[in-house]
Protein backbone atom coordinates (compact mmCIF):
# COMPACT_ATOMS: atom_id res chain seq x y z
CA MET A 1 0.00 0.00 0.00
CA LYS A 2 2.84 2.39 0.86
CA LEU A 3 4.55 1.58 -2.42
CA CYS A 4 1.36 2.39 -4.33
CA ARG A 5 1.06 5.76 -2.55
CA ALA A 6 4.69 6.50 -3.38
CA PHE A 7 4.11 5.84 -7.08
CA VAL A 8 0.99 8.02 -7.08
CA PHE A 9 2.90 10.84 -5.36
CA LEU A 10 5.81 10.57 -7.82
CA PHE A 11 3.44 10.57 -10.78
CA LEU A 12 1.56 13.65 -9.56
CA PHE A 13 4.77 15.44 -8.64
CA ALA A 14 6.31 14.77 -12.06
CA SER A 15 3.11 15.86 -13.82
CA PHE A 16 2.89 19.24 -12.11
CA ALA A 17 6.52 20.02 -11.25
CA ASP A 18 7.27 21.88 -14.49
CA ALA A 19 4.41 24.33 -14.01
CA PHE A 20 5.18 25.15 -10.39
CA PHE A 21 8.88 24.73 -9.75
CA LYS A 22 10.75 26.03 -12.80
CA PRO A 23 11.89 29.54 -11.87
CA SER A 24 12.75 30.38 -15.50
CA VAL A 25 9.13 29.93 -16.60
CA GLY A 26 7.16 33.06 -15.81
CA ARG A 27 3.44 33.59 -16.01
CA ARG A 28 3.72 35.37 -19.38
CA SER A 29 5.64 32.40 -20.83
CA LEU A 30 2.90 30.01 -19.73
CA GLU A 31 0.24 32.27 -21.28
CA LEU A 32 2.10 32.32 -24.61
CA ALA A 33 2.54 28.55 -24.57
CA SER A 34 -1.24 28.06 -24.31
CA LYS A 35 -2.24 30.46 -27.10
CA ILE A 36 -4.09 29.12 -30.10
CA ASN A 37 -2.94 31.87 -32.46
CA THR A 38 0.83 31.74 -32.71
CA LYS A 39 1.41 33.46 -36.07
CA VAL A 40 -1.48 35.61 -37.36
CA GLU A 41 -1.40 39.39 -36.72
CA LEU A 42 0.26 38.96 -33.32
CA GLU A 43 0.81 42.71 -33.03
CA ASN A 44 -2.96 43.33 -32.93
CA PRO A 45 -4.95 43.02 -29.69
CA LYS A 46 -7.68 41.15 -31.59
CA VAL A 47 -7.79 39.48 -35.02
CA VAL A 48 -11.01 40.46 -36.76
CA THR A 49 -12.09 39.62 -40.31
CA MET A 50 -15.00 41.20 -42.16
CA THR A 51 -16.02 40.28 -45.67
CA GLN A 52 -18.96 40.59 -48.01
CA LEU A 53 -20.08 37.85 -50.35
CA ALA A 54 -21.52 38.45 -53.79
CA PRO A 55 -24.63 36.46 -54.69
CA GLY A 56 -23.60 32.87 -55.45
CA GLU A 57 -20.21 33.26 -53.76
CA LYS A 58 -18.85 30.89 -51.10
CA LYS A 59 -15.84 31.28 -48.77
CA VAL A 60 -14.19 28.73 -46.51
CA PHE A 61 -12.65 30.21 -43.36
CA CYS A 62 -9.96 28.70 -41.11
CA ARG A 63 -10.85 27.81 -37.51
CA CYS A 64 -7.63 26.01 -36.54
CA TRP A 65 -5.26 29.01 -36.84
CA GLN A 66 -2.83 26.86 -38.86
CA SER A 67 -3.74 28.06 -42.38
CA GLY A 68 -1.03 29.69 -44.45
CA THR A 69 -3.78 31.72 -46.16
CA PHE A 70 -5.52 32.84 -42.96
CA PRO A 71 -8.34 33.85 -42.61
CA LEU A 72 -9.17 31.53 -45.53
CA CYS A 73 -8.79 27.78 -45.04
CA ASP A 74 -6.02 25.94 -46.89
CA GLY A 75 -6.78 22.50 -45.40
CA ALA A 76 -4.10 22.70 -42.67
CA HIS A 77 -6.65 21.40 -40.15
CA MET A 78 -6.40 17.95 -41.74
CA LYS A 79 -2.73 17.63 -40.73
CA HIS A 80 -3.55 19.01 -37.26
CA ASN A 81 -6.42 16.53 -36.83
CA GLU A 82 -4.24 13.61 -37.91
CA ALA A 83 -1.46 14.59 -35.49
CA THR A 84 -3.69 15.32 -32.48
CA GLY A 85 -6.87 13.27 -32.96
CA ASP A 86 -8.83 16.54 -32.99
CA ASN A 87 -11.85 17.09 -35.25
CA VAL A 88 -11.59 20.79 -36.14
CA GLY A 89 -12.81 21.90 -39.55
CA PRO A 90 -13.44 25.13 -41.46
CA LEU A 91 -16.34 27.57 -41.35
CA ILE A 92 -18.10 27.63 -44.73
CA ILE A 93 -20.24 30.65 -45.56
CA SER A 94 -22.26 30.97 -48.75
CA ASN A 95 -24.56 33.56 -50.22
CA PRO A 96 -27.09 31.83 -52.48
CA LYS A 97 -28.06 33.43 -55.75
CA PRO A 98 -31.49 35.04 -55.53
CA SER A 99 -34.26 32.97 -57.06
CA LYS A 100 -35.89 34.51 -60.12
């Protein structure tokens, strides 16, 4: 029983030690490590996209922040999903042609 407790303690300690005991890792570094957006308009306080669609037009927008053509999707989410087991996909917006 004592051996089991020791293994549990060591596992928990190892799991959380990096976050609490590394003096070189400051709060700001931890915030940056958890950001989703790591490359798009980092100098702006908020990334905002506004677009208008012509009748019959369709656009596919990135939601994984990995697209090289951000804000438009280039399919980068497929590689992300394969690597992580995630299921993220694009946002597709269309403006149907008016019926006559």
